[in-house]
């Protein structure tokens, strides 16, 4: 796979907004927590100070990761996508051949994946199994829970499911 992160315009904008929030308010809150802990005295035995410093380190790591994603981001124009086969940003209705249950997912980048919104990553086992499939084709997917088979019922492009 390439070193790019493919995002929708909305996903890119949200990531950029979240990053700015962490850089401004997140850093300010971390600095405030460290200052409060430091004011409590001896730093060698100050668990609150250690926890605040660790939280600051994790915040900076998250900021760095988000900056990396943004620097390698490529925005995909959904209007240019082909709905004849499953690709990133496709809305895919699949039928579980074992249970008969149908579900619709949107295939997105890892950054935009959100199971509650039925957005799955193209790098997930199901996402990888569906990529390149056409309507009516069977996708055999190996998941941590076992092997599954899905029929691709419908493929659409756009925000609507």
C-alpha atoms as a PDB file:
ATOM      1  CA  UNK A   1       0.000   0.000   0.000  1.00  0.00           C
ATOM      2  CA  UNK A   2       1.161   3.566  -0.583  1.00  0.00           C
ATOM      3  CA  UNK A   3       2.375   6.034   2.008  1.00  0.00           C
ATOM      4  CA  UNK A   4      -0.624   8.264   1.404  1.00  0.00           C
ATOM      5  CA  UNK A   5      -3.713   8.595   3.558  1.00  0.00           C
ATOM      6  CA  UNK A   6      -6.819   8.998   1.425  1.00  0.00           C
ATOM      7  CA  UNK A   7      -9.484  11.200   2.998  1.00  0.00           C
ATOM      8  CA  UNK A   8     -12.731  12.828   2.059  1.00  0.00           C
ATOM      9  CA  UNK A   9     -12.783  16.611   2.237  1.00  0.00           C
ATOM     10  CA  UNK A  10     -14.933  16.333   5.363  1.00  0.00           C
ATOM     11  CA  UNK A  11     -12.499  13.906   6.994  1.00  0.00           C
ATOM     12  CA  UNK A  12      -9.556  16.156   6.175  1.00  0.00           C
ATOM     13  CA  UNK A  13     -11.317  19.231   7.565  1.00  0.00           C
ATOM     14  CA  UNK A  14     -12.295  17.402  10.780  1.00  0.00           C
ATOM     15  CA  UNK A  15      -8.757  16.124  11.306  1.00  0.00           C
ATOM     16  CA  UNK A  16      -7.345  19.601  10.765  1.00  0.00           C
ATOM     17  CA  UNK A  17      -9.847  21.118  13.231  1.00  0.00           C
ATOM     18  CA  UNK A  18      -9.113  18.423  15.832  1.00  0.00           C
ATOM     19  CA  UNK A  19      -5.378  19.019  15.434  1.00  0.00           C
ATOM     20  CA  UNK A  20      -5.755  22.759  15.961  1.00  0.00           C
ATOM     21  CA  UNK A  21      -7.859  22.088  19.065  1.00  0.00           C
ATOM     22  CA  UNK A  22      -5.157  19.841  20.533  1.00  0.00           C
ATOM     23  CA  UNK A  23      -2.402  22.308  19.678  1.00  0.00           C
ATOM     24  CA  UNK A  24      -4.182  25.212  21.364  1.00  0.00           C
ATOM     25  CA  UNK A  25      -6.510  24.055  24.142  1.00  0.00           C
ATOM     26  CA  UNK A  26      -4.919  20.626  24.649  1.00  0.00           C
ATOM     27  CA  UNK A  27      -1.449  22.055  25.134  1.00  0.00           C
ATOM     28  CA  UNK A  28      -2.774  24.832  27.354  1.00  0.00           C
ATOM     29  CA  UNK A  29      -4.596  22.317  29.576  1.00  0.00           C
ATOM     30  CA  UNK A  30      -1.507  20.081  29.776  1.00  0.00           C
ATOM     31  CA  UNK A  31       0.689  23.021  30.778  1.00  0.00           C
ATOM     32  CA  UNK A  32      -1.869  24.069  33.398  1.00  0.00           C
ATOM     33  CA  UNK A  33      -1.985  20.538  34.875  1.00  0.00           C
ATOM     34  CA  UNK A  34       1.826  20.437  35.085  1.00  0.00           C
ATOM     35  CA  UNK A  35       1.936  23.864  36.742  1.00  0.00           C
ATOM     36  CA  UNK A  36      -0.675  22.825  39.319  1.00  0.00           C
ATOM     37  CA  UNK A  37       1.193  19.619  40.130  1.00  0.00           C
ATOM     38  CA  UNK A  38       4.509  21.466  40.330  1.00  0.00           C
ATOM     39  CA  UNK A  39       3.001  23.903  42.837  1.00  0.00           C
ATOM     40  CA  UNK A  40       2.355  21.012  45.220  1.00  0.00           C
ATOM     41  CA  UNK A  41       6.004  20.787  46.193  1.00  0.00           C
ATOM     42  CA  UNK A  42       8.674  18.078  45.913  1.00  0.00           C
ATOM     43  CA  UNK A  43       8.671  16.794  42.331  1.00  0.00           C
ATOM     44  CA  UNK A  44      10.624  13.621  43.144  1.00  0.00           C
ATOM     45  CA  UNK A  45       7.618  12.108  44.955  1.00  0.00           C
ATOM     46  CA  UNK A  46       4.820  13.880  43.123  1.00  0.00           C
ATOM     47  CA  UNK A  47       2.651  11.323  41.292  1.00  0.00           C
ATOM     48  CA  UNK A  48       0.363  14.054  39.938  1.00  0.00           C
ATOM     49  CA  UNK A  49       3.345  15.772  38.325  1.00  0.00           C
ATOM     50  CA  UNK A  50       4.513  12.491  36.755  1.00  0.00           C
ATOM     51  CA  UNK A  51       0.993  11.797  35.457  1.00  0.00           C
ATOM     52  CA  UNK A  52       0.687  15.323  34.023  1.00  0.00           C
ATOM     53  CA  UNK A  53       4.053  15.001  32.265  1.00  0.00           C
ATOM     54  CA  UNK A  54       3.073  11.612  30.841  1.00  0.00           C
ATOM     55  CA  UNK A  55      -0.252  13.029  29.615  1.00  0.00           C
ATOM     56  CA  UNK A  56       1.660  15.862  27.956  1.00  0.00           C
ATOM     57  CA  UNK A  57       3.916  13.337  26.208  1.00  0.00           C
ATOM     58  CA  UNK A  58       0.917  11.372  24.937  1.00  0.00           C
ATOM     59  CA  UNK A  59      -0.690  14.602  23.713  1.00  0.00           C
ATOM     60  CA  UNK A  60       2.453  15.533  21.781  1.00  0.00           C
ATOM     61  CA  UNK A  61       2.594  12.027  20.274  1.00  0.00           C
ATOM     62  CA  UNK A  62      -1.023  12.331  19.117  1.00  0.00           C
ATOM     63  CA  UNK A  63      -0.333  15.779  17.644  1.00  0.00           C
ATOM     64  CA  UNK A  64       2.688  14.392  15.793  1.00  0.00           C
ATOM     65  CA  UNK A  65       0.680  11.458  14.400  1.00  0.00           C
ATOM     66  CA  UNK A  66      -2.107  13.766  13.227  1.00  0.00           C
ATOM     67  CA  UNK A  67       0.411  16.083  11.550  1.00  0.00           C
ATOM     68  CA  UNK A  68       1.911  13.093   9.741  1.00  0.00           C
ATOM     69  CA  UNK A  69      -1.520  12.002   8.491  1.00  0.00           C
ATOM     70  CA  UNK A  70      -2.280  15.520   7.258  1.00  0.00           C
ATOM     71  CA  UNK A  71       1.105  15.814   5.551  1.00  0.00           C
ATOM     72  CA  UNK A  72       0.508  12.597   3.591  1.00  0.00           C
ATOM     73  CA  UNK A  73      -3.207  13.170   2.997  1.00  0.00           C
ATOM     74  CA  UNK A  74      -4.717  13.021  -0.439  1.00  0.00           C
ATOM     75  CA  UNK A  75      -8.283  14.261  -0.756  1.00  0.00           C
ATOM     76  CA  UNK A  76     -10.485  12.105  -2.943  1.00  0.00           C
ATOM     77  CA  UNK A  77     -13.222  13.700  -5.022  1.00  0.00           C
ATOM     78  CA  UNK A  78     -16.139  11.284  -4.714  1.00  0.00           C
ATOM     79  CA  UNK A  79     -17.692  12.578  -7.941  1.00  0.00           C
ATOM     80  CA  UNK A  80     -14.805  11.027  -9.896  1.00  0.00           C
ATOM     81  CA  UNK A  81     -15.163   7.542  -8.420  1.00  0.00           C
ATOM     82  CA  UNK A  82     -16.493   4.519 -10.308  1.00  0.00           C
ATOM     83  CA  UNK A  83     -19.328   2.552  -8.687  1.00  0.00           C
ATOM     84  CA  UNK A  84     -18.843  -0.577 -10.786  1.00  0.00           C
ATOM     85  CA  UNK A  85     -16.453  -2.088  -8.206  1.00  0.00           C
ATOM     86  CA  UNK A  86     -15.709  -1.613  -4.530  1.00  0.00           C
ATOM     87  CA  UNK A  87     -13.070   1.017  -3.791  1.00  0.00           C
ATOM     88  CA  UNK A  88     -12.262   3.482  -1.061  1.00  0.00           C
ATOM     89  CA  UNK A  89     -15.292   5.735  -0.345  1.00  0.00           C
ATOM     90  CA  UNK A  90     -17.710   3.172  -1.791  1.00  0.00           C
ATOM     91  CA  UNK A  91     -20.942   2.488   0.059  1.00  0.00           C
ATOM     92  CA  UNK A  92     -21.249  -1.287  -0.076  1.00  0.00           C
ATOM     93  CA  UNK A  93     -24.312  -3.311   0.835  1.00  0.00           C
ATOM     94  CA  UNK A  94     -23.254  -6.850   1.630  1.00  0.00           C
ATOM     95  CA  UNK A  95     -25.208  -9.963   2.531  1.00  0.00           C
ATOM     96  CA  UNK A  96     -23.745 -12.432   5.008  1.00  0.00           C
ATOM     97  CA  UNK A  97     -24.273 -15.767   3.264  1.00  0.00           C
ATOM     98  CA  UNK A  98     -24.430 -17.673   6.552  1.00  0.00           C
ATOM     99  CA  UNK A  99     -27.011 -15.496   8.330  1.00  0.00           C
ATOM    100  CA  UNK A 100     -28.713 -13.799   5.374  1.00  0.00           C
ATOM    101  CA  UNK A 101     -28.330 -10.441   7.107  1.00  0.00           C
ATOM    102  CA  UNK A 102     -27.621  -7.381   4.950  1.00  0.00           C
ATOM    103  CA  UNK A 103     -25.502  -4.452   6.092  1.00  0.00           C
ATOM    104  CA  UNK A 104     -24.232  -1.322   4.394  1.00  0.00           C
ATOM    105  CA  UNK A 105     -20.754   0.043   5.064  1.00  0.00           C
ATOM    106  CA  UNK A 106     -18.747   2.928   3.729  1.00  0.00           C
ATOM    107  CA  UNK A 107     -15.104   2.028   3.071  1.00  0.00           C
ATOM    108  CA  UNK A 108     -12.802   4.771   4.331  1.00  0.00           C
ATOM    109  CA  UNK A 109      -9.206   5.303   5.427  1.00  0.00           C
ATOM    110  CA  UNK A 110      -8.102   4.131   8.878  1.00  0.00           C
ATOM    111  CA  UNK A 111      -8.270   7.732  10.070  1.00  0.00           C
ATOM    112  CA  UNK A 112     -11.969   8.098   9.224  1.00  0.00           C
ATOM    113  CA  UNK A 113     -13.112   4.632  10.329  1.00  0.00           C
ATOM    114  CA  UNK A 114     -15.985   4.690  12.833  1.00  0.00           C
ATOM    115  CA  UNK A 115     -17.961   1.519  13.481  1.00  0.00           C
ATOM    116  CA  UNK A 116     -20.886   3.454  15.004  1.00  0.00           C
ATOM    117  CA  UNK A 117     -21.310   5.320  11.712  1.00  0.00           C
ATOM    118  CA  UNK A 118     -20.836   2.098   9.686  1.00  0.00           C
ATOM    119  CA  UNK A 119     -17.537   3.368   8.263  1.00  0.00           C
ATOM    120  CA  UNK A 120     -14.925   0.629   8.042  1.00  0.00           C
ATOM    121  CA  UNK A 121     -11.299   0.915   7.102  1.00  0.00           C
ATOM    122  CA  UNK A 122     -10.105  -0.393   3.755  1.00  0.00           C
ATOM    123  CA  UNK A 123      -7.260  -2.008   5.713  1.00  0.00           C
ATOM    124  CA  UNK A 124      -9.621  -4.002   7.973  1.00  0.00           C
ATOM    125  CA  UNK A 125     -10.180  -7.675   7.099  1.00  0.00           C
ATOM    126  CA  UNK A 126     -13.671  -6.974   5.702  1.00  0.00           C
ATOM    127  CA  UNK A 127     -12.484  -3.842   3.875  1.00  0.00           C
ATOM    128  CA  UNK A 128      -9.603  -5.708   2.255  1.00  0.00           C
ATOM    129  CA  UNK A 129     -11.883  -8.589   1.311  1.00  0.00           C
ATOM    130  CA  UNK A 130     -14.353  -6.271  -0.394  1.00  0.00           C
ATOM    131  CA  UNK A 131     -11.911  -4.101  -2.365  1.00  0.00           C
ATOM    132  CA  UNK A 132     -12.166  -4.664  -6.105  1.00  0.00           C
ATOM    133  CA  UNK A 133     -15.320  -6.789  -5.912  1.00  0.00           C
ATOM    134  CA  UNK A 134     -18.282  -6.165  -8.241  1.00  0.00           C
ATOM    135  CA  UNK A 135     -22.035  -6.565  -7.681  1.00  0.00           C
ATOM    136  CA  UNK A 136     -22.993 -10.208  -7.215  1.00  0.00           C
ATOM    137  CA  UNK A 137     -19.443 -11.308  -6.424  1.00  0.00           C
ATOM    138  CA  UNK A 138     -18.685 -13.295  -3.260  1.00  0.00           C
ATOM    139  CA  UNK A 139     -16.043 -11.933  -0.886  1.00  0.00           C
ATOM    140  CA  UNK A 140     -14.345 -14.479   1.341  1.00  0.00           C
ATOM    141  CA  UNK A 141     -13.064 -12.706   4.432  1.00  0.00           C
ATOM    142  CA  UNK A 142     -10.849 -14.096   7.155  1.00  0.00           C
ATOM    143  CA  UNK A 143     -11.476 -12.309  10.436  1.00  0.00           C
ATOM    144  CA  UNK A 144     -10.145 -12.998  13.926  1.00  0.00           C
ATOM    145  CA  UNK A 145     -13.515 -14.668  14.597  1.00  0.00           C
ATOM    146  CA  UNK A 146     -13.247 -17.018  11.628  1.00  0.00           C
ATOM    147  CA  UNK A 147     -13.929 -17.129   7.913  1.00  0.00           C
ATOM    148  CA  UNK A 148     -16.965 -15.319   6.497  1.00  0.00           C
ATOM    149  CA  UNK A 149     -18.533 -15.040   3.066  1.00  0.00           C
ATOM    150  CA  UNK A 150     -20.376 -11.966   1.842  1.00  0.00           C
ATOM    151  CA  UNK A 151     -22.214 -11.293  -1.380  1.00  0.00           C
ATOM    152  CA  UNK A 152     -21.810  -7.758  -2.733  1.00  0.00           C
ATOM    153  CA  UNK A 153     -25.424  -6.642  -3.183  1.00  0.00           C
ATOM    154  CA  UNK A 154     -24.981  -2.973  -4.115  1.00  0.00           C
ATOM    155  CA  UNK A 155     -22.215  -0.408  -4.613  1.00  0.00           C
ATOM    156  CA  UNK A 156     -22.861   3.325  -4.530  1.00  0.00           C
ATOM    157  CA  UNK A 157     -20.755   6.442  -4.203  1.00  0.00           C
ATOM    158  CA  UNK A 158     -21.592   9.429  -2.044  1.00  0.00           C
ATOM    159  CA  UNK A 159     -22.450  10.335   1.516  1.00  0.00           C
ATOM    160  CA  UNK A 160     -25.833   8.611   1.533  1.00  0.00           C
ATOM    161  CA  UNK A 161     -26.215   4.938   2.359  1.00  0.00           C
END
